[in-house]
Amino acid sequence: MIDVLYFAWVRERIGLPKERVDTSAATVAELVAELKAREDRYAAAFADISALRVAVDQELADFDAPLAGVREVAFFPPMTGG
């Protein structure tokens, strides 16, 4: 089980701030594919992953990051300074 956190417009589209996911995914990209296949709101939130950033156990990561031993994955839009 992995805790999956959603922030900003990702949370708005999915309708949840966080959920526990039972996954067989080996990478973040595979997890995204599993989530997108669930229902339309996930497909909408992950339609353009180039518009997203991901953190694995609170460390910025790439979508090809492995999930072995990971407890938490967070998805959020890029942060802008200002």
PDB file of N, CA and C in Angstrom:
ATOM      1  N   MET A   1       0.840  -1.184   0.000  1.00  0.00           N
ATOM      2  CA  MET A   1       0.000   0.000   0.000  1.00  0.00           C
ATOM      3  C   MET A   1       0.884   1.247   0.000  1.00  0.00           C
ATOM      4  N   ILE A   2       0.488   2.191  -0.807  1.00  0.00           N
ATOM      5  CA  ILE A   2       1.214   3.462  -0.912  1.00  0.00           C
ATOM      6  C   ILE A   2       0.215   4.590  -0.646  1.00  0.00           C
ATOM      7  N   ASP A   3       0.642   5.574   0.128  1.00  0.00           N
ATOM      8  CA  ASP A   3      -0.161   6.786   0.277  1.00  0.00           C
ATOM      9  C   ASP A   3       0.088   7.653  -0.946  1.00  0.00           C
ATOM     10  N   VAL A   4      -0.991   8.060  -1.608  1.00  0.00           N
ATOM     11  CA  VAL A   4      -0.880   8.938  -2.773  1.00  0.00           C
ATOM     12  C   VAL A   4      -1.541  10.263  -2.409  1.00  0.00           C
ATOM     13  N   LEU A   5      -0.766  11.353  -2.546  1.00  0.00           N
ATOM     14  CA  LEU A   5      -1.245  12.683  -2.198  1.00  0.00           C
ATOM     15  C   LEU A   5      -1.419  13.505  -3.462  1.00  0.00           C
ATOM     16  N   TYR A   6      -2.467  14.316  -3.469  1.00  0.00           N
ATOM     17  CA  TYR A   6      -2.767  15.175  -4.614  1.00  0.00           C
ATOM     18  C   TYR A   6      -2.843  16.618  -4.134  1.00  0.00           C
ATOM     19  N   PHE A   7      -2.224  17.532  -4.882  1.00  0.00           N
ATOM     20  CA  PHE A   7      -2.203  18.936  -4.499  1.00  0.00           C
ATOM     21  C   PHE A   7      -2.727  19.829  -5.617  1.00  0.00           C
ATOM     22  N   ALA A   8      -3.247  20.996  -5.225  1.00  0.00           N
ATOM     23  CA  ALA A   8      -3.701  22.046  -6.137  1.00  0.00           C
ATOM     24  C   ALA A   8      -4.764  21.509  -7.096  1.00  0.00           C
ATOM     25  N   TRP A   9      -4.626  21.800  -8.398  1.00  0.00           N
ATOM     26  CA  TRP A   9      -5.673  21.397  -9.342  1.00  0.00           C
ATOM     27  C   TRP A   9      -5.763  19.885  -9.521  1.00  0.00           C
ATOM     28  N   VAL A  10      -4.713  19.150  -9.188  1.00  0.00           N
ATOM     29  CA  VAL A  10      -4.790  17.683  -9.264  1.00  0.00           C
ATOM     30  C   VAL A  10      -5.829  17.202  -8.238  1.00  0.00           C
ATOM     31  N   ARG A  11      -5.743  17.743  -7.028  1.00  0.00           N
ATOM     32  CA  ARG A  11      -6.713  17.396  -5.974  1.00  0.00           C
ATOM     33  C   ARG A  11      -8.124  17.803  -6.394  1.00  0.00           C
ATOM     34  N   GLU A  12      -8.257  18.986  -6.998  1.00  0.00           N
ATOM     35  CA  GLU A  12      -9.583  19.451  -7.420  1.00  0.00           C
ATOM     36  C   GLU A  12     -10.197  18.513  -8.461  1.00  0.00           C
ATOM     37  N   ARG A  13      -9.399  18.059  -9.411  1.00  0.00           N
ATOM     38  CA  ARG A  13      -9.940  17.180 -10.462  1.00  0.00           C
ATOM     39  C   ARG A  13     -10.297  15.799  -9.931  1.00  0.00           C
ATOM     40  N   ILE A  14      -9.483  15.281  -9.023  1.00  0.00           N
ATOM     41  CA  ILE A  14      -9.735  13.937  -8.500  1.00  0.00           C
ATOM     42  C   ILE A  14     -10.768  13.977  -7.370  1.00  0.00           C
ATOM     43  N   GLY A  15     -10.775  15.071  -6.624  1.00  0.00           N
ATOM     44  CA  GLY A  15     -11.751  15.210  -5.552  1.00  0.00           C
ATOM     45  C   GLY A  15     -11.298  14.647  -4.216  1.00  0.00           C
ATOM     46  N   LEU A  16     -10.021  14.307  -4.113  1.00  0.00           N
ATOM     47  CA  LEU A  16      -9.460  13.771  -2.874  1.00  0.00           C
ATOM     48  C   LEU A  16      -8.103  14.420  -2.604  1.00  0.00           C
ATOM     49  N   PRO A  17      -7.792  14.679  -1.335  1.00  0.00           N
ATOM     50  CA  PRO A  17      -6.449  15.174  -1.036  1.00  0.00           C
ATOM     51  C   PRO A  17      -5.427  14.041  -0.941  1.00  0.00           C
ATOM     52  N   LYS A  18      -5.926  12.821  -0.624  1.00  0.00           N
ATOM     53  CA  LYS A  18      -5.015  11.707  -0.344  1.00  0.00           C
ATOM     54  C   LYS A  18      -5.801  10.404  -0.361  1.00  0.00           C
ATOM     55  N   GLU A  19      -5.140   9.330  -0.725  1.00  0.00           N
ATOM     56  CA  GLU A  19      -5.753   8.004  -0.631  1.00  0.00           C
ATOM     57  C   GLU A  19      -4.664   6.952  -0.506  1.00  0.00           C
ATOM     58  N   ARG A  20      -5.044   5.793   0.012  1.00  0.00           N
ATOM     59  CA  ARG A  20      -4.133   4.648   0.075  1.00  0.00           C
ATOM     60  C   ARG A  20      -4.417   3.791  -1.141  1.00  0.00           C
ATOM     61  N   VAL A  21      -3.360   3.443  -1.850  1.00  0.00           N
ATOM     62  CA  VAL A  21      -3.514   2.695  -3.094  1.00  0.00           C
ATOM     63  C   VAL A  21      -2.753   1.373  -2.990  1.00  0.00           C
ATOM     64  N   ASP A  22      -3.439   0.300  -3.295  1.00  0.00           N
ATOM     65  CA  ASP A  22      -2.817  -1.018  -3.384  1.00  0.00           C
ATOM     66  C   ASP A  22      -2.400  -1.185  -4.842  1.00  0.00           C
ATOM     67  N   THR A  23      -1.112  -1.196  -5.096  1.00  0.00           N
ATOM     68  CA  THR A  23      -0.632  -1.181  -6.474  1.00  0.00           C
ATOM     69  C   THR A  23       0.408  -2.255  -6.723  1.00  0.00           C
ATOM     70  N   SER A  24       0.471  -2.694  -7.961  1.00  0.00           N
ATOM     71  CA  SER A  24       1.532  -3.608  -8.379  1.00  0.00           C
ATOM     72  C   SER A  24       2.527  -2.868  -9.270  1.00  0.00           C
ATOM     73  N   ALA A  25       2.369  -1.546  -9.374  1.00  0.00           N
ATOM     74  CA  ALA A  25       3.231  -0.737 -10.238  1.00  0.00           C
ATOM     75  C   ALA A  25       4.678  -0.770  -9.750  1.00  0.00           C
ATOM     76  N   ALA A  26       5.600  -0.829 -10.705  1.00  0.00           N
ATOM     77  CA  ALA A  26       7.022  -0.830 -10.379  1.00  0.00           C
ATOM     78  C   ALA A  26       7.624   0.575 -10.414  1.00  0.00           C
ATOM     79  N   THR A  27       6.953   1.483 -11.142  1.00  0.00           N
ATOM     80  CA  THR A  27       7.455   2.855 -11.273  1.00  0.00           C
ATOM     81  C   THR A  27       6.303   3.838 -11.088  1.00  0.00           C
ATOM     82  N   VAL A  28       6.657   5.115 -10.919  1.00  0.00           N
ATOM     83  CA  VAL A  28       5.631   6.155 -10.821  1.00  0.00           C
ATOM     84  C   VAL A  28       4.769   6.170 -12.083  1.00  0.00           C
ATOM     85  N   ALA A  29       5.386   6.036 -13.247  1.00  0.00           N
ATOM     86  CA  ALA A  29       4.633   6.050 -14.507  1.00  0.00           C
ATOM     87  C   ALA A  29       3.602   4.917 -14.550  1.00  0.00           C
ATOM     88  N   GLU A  30       3.964   3.738 -14.051  1.00  0.00           N
ATOM     89  CA  GLU A  30       3.015   2.621 -14.020  1.00  0.00           C
ATOM     90  C   GLU A  30       1.877   2.902 -13.039  1.00  0.00           C
ATOM     91  N   LEU A  31       2.190   3.555 -11.921  1.00  0.00           N
ATOM     92  CA  LEU A  31       1.155   3.952 -10.967  1.00  0.00           C
ATOM     93  C   LEU A  31       0.183   4.925 -11.627  1.00  0.00           C
ATOM     94  N   VAL A  32       0.709   5.900 -12.362  1.00  0.00           N
ATOM     95  CA  VAL A  32      -0.141   6.859 -13.072  1.00  0.00           C
ATOM     96  C   VAL A  32      -1.052   6.119 -14.056  1.00  0.00           C
ATOM     97  N   ALA A  33      -0.509   5.150 -14.783  1.00  0.00           N
ATOM     98  CA  ALA A  33      -1.314   4.380 -15.740  1.00  0.00           C
ATOM     99  C   ALA A  33      -2.447   3.641 -15.020  1.00  0.00           C
ATOM    100  N   GLU A  34      -2.148   3.054 -13.856  1.00  0.00           N
ATOM    101  CA  GLU A  34      -3.183   2.363 -13.077  1.00  0.00           C
ATOM    102  C   GLU A  34      -4.264   3.341 -12.630  1.00  0.00           C
ATOM    103  N   LEU A  35      -3.847   4.512 -12.149  1.00  0.00           N
ATOM    104  CA  LEU A  35      -4.812   5.511 -11.680  1.00  0.00           C
ATOM    105  C   LEU A  35      -5.676   6.012 -12.834  1.00  0.00           C
ATOM    106  N   LYS A  36      -5.052   6.293 -13.984  1.00  0.00           N
ATOM    107  CA  LYS A  36      -5.800   6.786 -15.148  1.00  0.00           C
ATOM    108  C   LYS A  36      -6.861   5.793 -15.596  1.00  0.00           C
ATOM    109  N   ALA A  37      -6.583   4.509 -15.427  1.00  0.00           N
ATOM    110  CA  ALA A  37      -7.523   3.478 -15.865  1.00  0.00           C
ATOM    111  C   ALA A  37      -8.717   3.339 -14.915  1.00  0.00           C
ATOM    112  N   ARG A  38      -8.632   3.911 -13.732  1.00  0.00           N
ATOM    113  CA  ARG A  38      -9.702   3.786 -12.739  1.00  0.00           C
ATOM    114  C   ARG A  38     -11.002   4.423 -13.192  1.00  0.00           C
ATOM    115  N   GLU A  39     -10.950   5.717 -13.483  1.00  0.00           N
ATOM    116  CA  GLU A  39     -12.147   6.441 -13.899  1.00  0.00           C
ATOM    117  C   GLU A  39     -11.750   7.769 -14.528  1.00  0.00           C
ATOM    118  N   ASP A  40     -12.737   8.433 -15.115  1.00  0.00           N
ATOM    119  CA  ASP A  40     -12.472   9.641 -15.902  1.00  0.00           C
ATOM    120  C   ASP A  40     -11.792  10.752 -15.127  1.00  0.00           C
ATOM    121  N   ARG A  41     -12.136  10.922 -13.843  1.00  0.00           N
ATOM    122  CA  ARG A  41     -11.530  12.030 -13.096  1.00  0.00           C
ATOM    123  C   ARG A  41     -10.015  11.858 -12.958  1.00  0.00           C
ATOM    124  N   TYR A  42      -9.559  10.615 -12.831  1.00  0.00           N
ATOM    125  CA  TYR A  42      -8.120  10.361 -12.785  1.00  0.00           C
ATOM    126  C   TYR A  42      -7.498  10.585 -14.160  1.00  0.00           C
ATOM    127  N   ALA A  43      -8.187  10.116 -15.189  1.00  0.00           N
ATOM    128  CA  ALA A  43      -7.688  10.312 -16.555  1.00  0.00           C
ATOM    129  C   ALA A  43      -7.542  11.796 -16.847  1.00  0.00           C
ATOM    130  N   ALA A  44      -8.491  12.621 -16.384  1.00  0.00           N
ATOM    131  CA  ALA A  44      -8.415  14.067 -16.595  1.00  0.00           C
ATOM    132  C   ALA A  44      -7.245  14.673 -15.827  1.00  0.00           C
ATOM    133  N   ALA A  45      -7.057  14.249 -14.603  1.00  0.00           N
ATOM    134  CA  ALA A  45      -5.986  14.807 -13.772  1.00  0.00           C
ATOM    135  C   ALA A  45      -4.604  14.462 -14.320  1.00  0.00           C
ATOM    136  N   PHE A  46      -4.472  13.282 -14.909  1.00  0.00           N
ATOM    137  CA  PHE A  46      -3.167  12.827 -15.401  1.00  0.00           C
ATOM    138  C   PHE A  46      -3.066  12.856 -16.922  1.00  0.00           C
ATOM    139  N   ALA A  47      -3.938  13.615 -17.575  1.00  0.00           N
ATOM    140  CA  ALA A  47      -3.946  13.653 -19.043  1.00  0.00           C
ATOM    141  C   ALA A  47      -2.628  14.164 -19.611  1.00  0.00           C
ATOM    142  N   ASP A  48      -2.009  15.110 -18.934  1.00  0.00           N
ATOM    143  CA  ASP A  48      -0.751  15.696 -19.417  1.00  0.00           C
ATOM    144  C   ASP A  48       0.265  15.679 -18.286  1.00  0.00           C
ATOM    145  N   ILE A  49       1.005  14.573 -18.161  1.00  0.00           N
ATOM    146  CA  ILE A  49       1.929  14.480 -17.033  1.00  0.00           C
ATOM    147  C   ILE A  49       3.109  15.433 -17.156  1.00  0.00           C
ATOM    148  N   SER A  50       3.307  16.014 -18.339  1.00  0.00           N
ATOM    149  CA  SER A  50       4.374  17.021 -18.455  1.00  0.00           C
ATOM    150  C   SER A  50       4.017  18.273 -17.648  1.00  0.00           C
ATOM    151  N   ALA A  51       2.737  18.419 -17.267  1.00  0.00           N
ATOM    152  CA  ALA A  51       2.289  19.553 -16.456  1.00  0.00           C
ATOM    153  C   ALA A  51       2.328  19.222 -14.970  1.00  0.00           C
ATOM    154  N   LEU A  52       2.913  18.079 -14.621  1.00  0.00           N
ATOM    155  CA  LEU A  52       2.950  17.638 -13.234  1.00  0.00           C
ATOM    156  C   LEU A  52       4.371  17.409 -12.748  1.00  0.00           C
ATOM    157  N   ARG A  53       4.524  17.521 -11.447  1.00  0.00           N
ATOM    158  CA  ARG A  53       5.752  17.116 -10.773  1.00  0.00           C
ATOM    159  C   ARG A  53       5.363  16.004  -9.812  1.00  0.00           C
ATOM    160  N   VAL A  54       6.352  15.205  -9.428  1.00  0.00           N
ATOM    161  CA  VAL A  54       6.089  14.096  -8.507  1.00  0.00           C
ATOM    162  C   VAL A  54       7.169  14.071  -7.439  1.00  0.00           C
ATOM    163  N   ALA A  55       6.761  13.722  -6.232  1.00  0.00           N
ATOM    164  CA  ALA A  55       7.704  13.507  -5.138  1.00  0.00           C
ATOM    165  C   ALA A  55       7.477  12.099  -4.603  1.00  0.00           C
ATOM    166  N   VAL A  56       8.570  11.398  -4.361  1.00  0.00           N
ATOM    167  CA  VAL A  56       8.533  10.042  -3.821  1.00  0.00           C
ATOM    168  C   VAL A  56       9.165  10.102  -2.438  1.00  0.00           C
ATOM    169  N   ASP A  57       8.378   9.751  -1.416  1.00  0.00           N
ATOM    170  CA  ASP A  57       8.825   9.887  -0.025  1.00  0.00           C
ATOM    171  C   ASP A  57       9.432  11.273   0.228  1.00  0.00           C
ATOM    172  N   GLN A  58       8.740  12.295  -0.247  1.00  0.00           N
ATOM    173  CA  GLN A  58       9.049  13.710  -0.034  1.00  0.00           C
ATOM    174  C   GLN A  58      10.335  14.180  -0.705  1.00  0.00           C
ATOM    175  N   GLU A  59      10.771  13.448  -1.731  1.00  0.00           N
ATOM    176  CA  GLU A  59      11.919  13.861  -2.541  1.00  0.00           C
ATOM    177  C   GLU A  59      11.455  13.987  -3.980  1.00  0.00           C
ATOM    178  N   LEU A  60      11.785  15.107  -4.636  1.00  0.00           N
ATOM    179  CA  LEU A  60      11.419  15.249  -6.044  1.00  0.00           C
ATOM    180  C   LEU A  60      11.980  14.083  -6.842  1.00  0.00           C
ATOM    181  N   ALA A  61      11.182  13.585  -7.760  1.00  0.00           N
ATOM    182  CA  ALA A  61      11.581  12.401  -8.528  1.00  0.00           C
ATOM    183  C   ALA A  61      11.060  12.524  -9.956  1.00  0.00           C
ATOM    184  N   ASP A  62      11.484  11.593 -10.800  1.00  0.00           N
ATOM    185  CA  ASP A  62      10.994  11.498 -12.171  1.00  0.00           C
ATOM    186  C   ASP A  62       9.898  10.435 -12.226  1.00  0.00           C
ATOM    187  N   PHE A  63       9.165  10.443 -13.327  1.00  0.00           N
ATOM    188  CA  PHE A  63       8.084   9.469 -13.471  1.00  0.00           C
ATOM    189  C   PHE A  63       8.608   8.050 -13.679  1.00  0.00           C
ATOM    190  N   ASP A  64       9.900   7.893 -13.983  1.00  0.00           N
ATOM    191  CA  ASP A  64      10.463   6.546 -14.096  1.00  0.00           C
ATOM    192  C   ASP A  64      11.071   6.069 -12.774  1.00  0.00           C
ATOM    193  N   ALA A  65      10.847   6.823 -11.690  1.00  0.00           N
ATOM    194  CA  ALA A  65      11.382   6.436 -10.377  1.00  0.00           C
ATOM    195  C   ALA A  65      10.751   5.129  -9.910  1.00  0.00           C
ATOM    196  N   PRO A  66      11.557   4.233  -9.340  1.00  0.00           N
ATOM    197  CA  PRO A  66      11.014   2.963  -8.845  1.00  0.00           C
ATOM    198  C   PRO A  66      10.182   3.166  -7.586  1.00  0.00           C
ATOM    199  N   LEU A  67       9.209   2.277  -7.374  1.00  0.00           N
ATOM    200  CA  LEU A  67       8.337   2.365  -6.205  1.00  0.00           C
ATOM    201  C   LEU A  67       8.670   1.339  -5.127  1.00  0.00           C
ATOM    202  N   ALA A  68       9.666   0.512  -5.335  1.00  0.00           N
ATOM    203  CA  ALA A  68      10.010  -0.510  -4.344  1.00  0.00           C
ATOM    204  C   ALA A  68      10.336   0.152  -3.006  1.00  0.00           C
ATOM    205  N   GLY A  69       9.619  -0.234  -1.965  1.00  0.00           N
ATOM    206  CA  GLY A  69       9.854   0.290  -0.626  1.00  0.00           C
ATOM    207  C   GLY A  69       9.314   1.684  -0.375  1.00  0.00           C
ATOM    208  N   VAL A  70       8.654   2.273  -1.349  1.00  0.00           N
ATOM    209  CA  VAL A  70       8.148   3.635  -1.210  1.00  0.00           C
ATOM    210  C   VAL A  70       6.870   3.640  -0.371  1.00  0.00           C
ATOM    211  N   ARG A  71       6.747   4.634   0.507  1.00  0.00           N
ATOM    212  CA  ARG A  71       5.552   4.765   1.342  1.00  0.00           C
ATOM    213  C   ARG A  71       4.599   5.837   0.833  1.00  0.00           C
ATOM    214  N   GLU A  72       5.142   6.858   0.130  1.00  0.00           N
ATOM    215  CA  GLU A  72       4.306   7.991  -0.254  1.00  0.00           C
ATOM    216  C   GLU A  72       4.708   8.543  -1.614  1.00  0.00           C
ATOM    217  N   VAL A  73       3.696   8.836  -2.440  1.00  0.00           N
ATOM    218  CA  VAL A  73       3.901   9.499  -3.727  1.00  0.00           C
ATOM    219  C   VAL A  73       2.976  10.705  -3.753  1.00  0.00           C
ATOM    220  N   ALA A  74       3.518  11.862  -4.128  1.00  0.00           N
ATOM    221  CA  ALA A  74       2.710  13.085  -4.194  1.00  0.00           C
ATOM    222  C   ALA A  74       2.775  13.664  -5.599  1.00  0.00           C
ATOM    223  N   PHE A  75       1.626  14.128  -6.082  1.00  0.00           N
ATOM    224  CA  PHE A  75       1.536  14.751  -7.400  1.00  0.00           C
ATOM    225  C   PHE A  75       1.098  16.202  -7.235  1.00  0.00           C
ATOM    226  N   PHE A  76       1.776  17.104  -7.945  1.00  0.00           N
ATOM    227  CA  PHE A  76       1.460  18.529  -7.843  1.00  0.00           C
ATOM    228  C   PHE A  76       1.928  19.257  -9.073  1.00  0.00           C
ATOM    229  N   PRO A  77       1.326  20.416  -9.366  1.00  0.00           N
ATOM    230  CA  PRO A  77       1.802  21.216 -10.487  1.00  0.00           C
ATOM    231  C   PRO A  77       3.138  21.861 -10.130  1.00  0.00           C
ATOM    232  N   PRO A  78       3.896  22.284 -11.136  1.00  0.00           N
ATOM    233  CA  PRO A  78       5.165  22.965 -10.844  1.00  0.00           C
ATOM    234  C   PRO A  78       4.918  24.201 -10.003  1.00  0.00           C
ATOM    235  N   MET A  79       5.809  24.458  -9.075  1.00  0.00           N
ATOM    236  CA  MET A  79       5.702  25.646  -8.246  1.00  0.00           C
ATOM    237  C   MET A  79       6.324  26.824  -8.982  1.00  0.00           C
ATOM    238  N   THR A  80       5.711  27.981  -8.830  1.00  0.00           N
ATOM    239  CA  THR A  80       6.289  29.170  -9.427  1.00  0.00           C
ATOM    240  C   THR A  80       6.669  30.151  -8.328  1.00  0.00           C
ATOM    241  N   GLY A  81       7.754  30.814  -8.529  1.00  0.00           N
ATOM    242  CA  GLY A  81       8.210  31.781  -7.541  1.00  0.00           C
ATOM    243  C   GLY A  81       7.483  33.097  -7.712  1.00  0.00           C
ATOM    244  N   GLY A  82       7.670  33.999  -6.754  1.00  0.00           N
ATOM    245  CA  GLY A  82       7.040  35.285  -6.938  1.00  0.00           C
ATOM    246  C   GLY A  82       6.743  35.907  -5.696  1.00  0.00           C
TER     247      GLY A  82
END
